[in-house]
């Protein structure tokens, strides 16, 4: 994906890498893949799809 470099998401005990898509369309969540979804205080939605997800506890 042009313009996207080294995207990742660290959520709880999971680390997602290999950012594939970014969209605000919630219908995309019905498709394939692992998605991280963020909704800001104004209701703006950002959905990010990743290729790889692994368990990776946060450092203490």
N, C-alpha and C. Protein backbone atom coordinates (compact mmCIF):
# COMPACT_ATOMS: atom_id res chain seq x y z
N UNK A 1 0.85 -1.17 0.00
CA UNK A 1 0.00 0.00 0.00
C UNK A 1 0.90 1.23 0.00
N UNK A 2 0.76 2.08 -0.97
CA UNK A 2 1.62 3.24 -1.11
C UNK A 2 1.44 4.22 0.04
N UNK A 3 2.54 4.70 0.57
CA UNK A 3 2.51 5.71 1.62
C UNK A 3 2.36 5.17 3.02
N UNK A 4 2.24 3.85 3.18
CA UNK A 4 2.11 3.26 4.51
C UNK A 4 3.36 2.46 4.79
N UNK A 5 4.03 2.78 5.91
CA UNK A 5 5.27 2.11 6.25
C UNK A 5 5.24 1.68 7.71
N UNK A 6 5.60 0.43 7.97
CA UNK A 6 5.79 -0.06 9.33
C UNK A 6 4.57 0.13 10.22
N UNK A 7 3.38 -0.02 9.68
CA UNK A 7 2.18 0.10 10.50
C UNK A 7 2.06 -1.08 11.44
N UNK A 8 1.61 -0.81 12.66
CA UNK A 8 1.39 -1.89 13.63
C UNK A 8 0.30 -1.46 14.60
N UNK A 9 -0.24 -2.44 15.31
CA UNK A 9 -1.19 -2.17 16.39
C UNK A 9 -0.81 -3.06 17.56
N UNK A 10 -0.69 -2.48 18.74
CA UNK A 10 -0.44 -3.23 19.97
C UNK A 10 -1.70 -3.12 20.81
N UNK A 11 -2.39 -4.24 20.95
CA UNK A 11 -3.68 -4.26 21.66
C UNK A 11 -3.67 -5.37 22.68
N UNK A 12 -3.63 -5.00 23.93
CA UNK A 12 -3.60 -6.01 24.99
C UNK A 12 -2.40 -6.92 24.83
N UNK A 13 -2.64 -8.20 24.67
CA UNK A 13 -1.58 -9.20 24.53
C UNK A 13 -1.26 -9.51 23.07
N UNK A 14 -1.69 -8.66 22.14
CA UNK A 14 -1.50 -8.95 20.71
C UNK A 14 -0.73 -7.83 20.02
N UNK A 15 0.11 -8.24 19.07
CA UNK A 15 0.83 -7.30 18.21
C UNK A 15 0.49 -7.64 16.77
N UNK A 16 -0.09 -6.69 16.07
CA UNK A 16 -0.46 -6.86 14.66
C UNK A 16 0.53 -6.08 13.81
N UNK A 17 1.06 -6.72 12.76
CA UNK A 17 2.00 -6.08 11.85
C UNK A 17 1.58 -6.39 10.42
N UNK A 18 2.23 -5.74 9.48
CA UNK A 18 1.90 -5.96 8.08
C UNK A 18 0.60 -5.25 7.71
N UNK A 19 0.55 -3.94 7.92
CA UNK A 19 -0.65 -3.17 7.62
C UNK A 19 -1.02 -3.32 6.15
N UNK A 20 -2.24 -3.75 5.90
CA UNK A 20 -2.70 -4.00 4.53
C UNK A 20 -3.68 -2.93 4.06
N UNK A 21 -4.67 -2.58 4.87
CA UNK A 21 -5.71 -1.63 4.47
C UNK A 21 -6.06 -0.72 5.63
N UNK A 22 -6.49 0.51 5.29
CA UNK A 22 -7.05 1.44 6.27
C UNK A 22 -8.31 2.03 5.63
N UNK A 23 -9.42 2.00 6.39
CA UNK A 23 -10.68 2.52 5.88
C UNK A 23 -11.53 3.03 7.03
N UNK A 24 -12.52 3.84 6.69
CA UNK A 24 -13.51 4.26 7.69
C UNK A 24 -14.83 3.53 7.47
N UNK A 25 -14.87 2.62 6.50
CA UNK A 25 -16.09 1.88 6.15
C UNK A 25 -16.21 0.63 7.01
N UNK A 26 -17.16 0.64 7.96
CA UNK A 26 -17.34 -0.51 8.85
C UNK A 26 -17.75 -1.78 8.11
N UNK A 27 -18.32 -1.67 6.92
CA UNK A 27 -18.70 -2.85 6.14
C UNK A 27 -17.47 -3.69 5.78
N UNK A 28 -16.30 -3.08 5.75
CA UNK A 28 -15.07 -3.81 5.44
C UNK A 28 -14.79 -4.90 6.47
N UNK A 29 -15.31 -4.74 7.69
CA UNK A 29 -15.07 -5.72 8.75
C UNK A 29 -15.69 -7.08 8.43
N UNK A 30 -16.64 -7.12 7.50
CA UNK A 30 -17.26 -8.39 7.09
C UNK A 30 -16.33 -9.20 6.20
N UNK A 31 -15.25 -8.60 5.72
CA UNK A 31 -14.31 -9.28 4.84
C UNK A 31 -13.29 -10.09 5.62
N UNK A 32 -12.30 -10.59 4.90
CA UNK A 32 -11.24 -11.41 5.48
C UNK A 32 -10.26 -10.57 6.28
N UNK A 33 -9.55 -11.23 7.19
CA UNK A 33 -8.43 -10.60 7.86
C UNK A 33 -8.71 -10.20 9.30
N UNK A 34 -7.66 -9.69 9.94
CA UNK A 34 -7.71 -9.26 11.33
C UNK A 34 -7.71 -7.74 11.34
N UNK A 35 -8.70 -7.16 11.99
CA UNK A 35 -8.88 -5.72 11.98
C UNK A 35 -8.69 -5.12 13.37
N UNK A 36 -8.05 -3.97 13.43
CA UNK A 36 -8.03 -3.13 14.63
C UNK A 36 -8.95 -1.95 14.32
N UNK A 37 -9.84 -1.64 15.25
CA UNK A 37 -10.82 -0.57 15.03
C UNK A 37 -10.69 0.46 16.15
N UNK A 38 -10.62 1.72 15.75
CA UNK A 38 -10.54 2.83 16.70
C UNK A 38 -11.67 3.79 16.40
N UNK A 39 -12.36 4.23 17.45
CA UNK A 39 -13.40 5.26 17.31
C UNK A 39 -13.00 6.41 18.23
N UNK A 40 -12.84 7.61 17.66
CA UNK A 40 -12.43 8.73 18.50
C UNK A 40 -13.64 9.35 19.21
N UNK A 41 -13.40 10.34 20.03
CA UNK A 41 -14.46 10.94 20.84
C UNK A 41 -15.53 11.63 20.01
N UNK A 42 -15.20 11.98 18.78
CA UNK A 42 -16.18 12.62 17.90
C UNK A 42 -16.91 11.61 17.03
N UNK A 43 -16.61 10.32 17.20
CA UNK A 43 -17.30 9.27 16.45
C UNK A 43 -16.63 8.87 15.15
N UNK A 44 -15.47 9.44 14.83
CA UNK A 44 -14.75 9.07 13.61
C UNK A 44 -14.17 7.66 13.78
N UNK A 45 -14.45 6.80 12.79
CA UNK A 45 -14.01 5.41 12.82
C UNK A 45 -12.79 5.23 11.92
N UNK A 46 -11.80 4.50 12.42
CA UNK A 46 -10.65 4.09 11.61
C UNK A 46 -10.48 2.59 11.79
N UNK A 47 -10.53 1.85 10.67
CA UNK A 47 -10.36 0.40 10.67
C UNK A 47 -9.06 0.08 9.94
N UNK A 48 -8.21 -0.71 10.56
CA UNK A 48 -6.92 -1.08 9.96
C UNK A 48 -6.82 -2.60 9.90
N UNK A 49 -6.57 -3.13 8.69
CA UNK A 49 -6.44 -4.59 8.52
C UNK A 49 -4.97 -4.96 8.44
N UNK A 50 -4.61 -6.04 9.15
CA UNK A 50 -3.22 -6.47 9.25
C UNK A 50 -3.05 -7.89 8.73
N UNK A 51 -1.86 -8.18 8.21
CA UNK A 51 -1.52 -9.51 7.71
C UNK A 51 -1.14 -10.49 8.81
N UNK A 52 -0.45 -10.01 9.84
CA UNK A 52 0.10 -10.92 10.87
C UNK A 52 -0.30 -10.44 12.26
N UNK A 53 -0.71 -11.40 13.09
CA UNK A 53 -1.03 -11.10 14.49
C UNK A 53 -0.40 -12.18 15.35
N UNK A 54 0.26 -11.76 16.42
CA UNK A 54 0.88 -12.73 17.33
C UNK A 54 0.73 -12.24 18.76
N UNK A 55 0.81 -13.19 19.68
CA UNK A 55 0.80 -12.83 21.10
C UNK A 55 2.13 -12.16 21.42
N UNK A 56 2.05 -11.03 22.05
CA UNK A 56 3.26 -10.28 22.41
C UNK A 56 2.95 -9.43 23.63
N UNK A 57 3.14 -10.00 24.82
CA UNK A 57 2.85 -9.24 26.03
C UNK A 57 3.61 -7.92 26.06
N UNK A 58 2.96 -6.90 26.57
CA UNK A 58 3.63 -5.61 26.72
C UNK A 58 4.73 -5.72 27.76
N UNK A 59 5.84 -5.04 27.56
CA UNK A 59 6.93 -5.10 28.55
C UNK A 59 6.48 -4.48 29.87
N UNK A 60 7.03 -5.01 30.96
CA UNK A 60 6.67 -4.50 32.29
C UNK A 60 7.37 -3.19 32.57
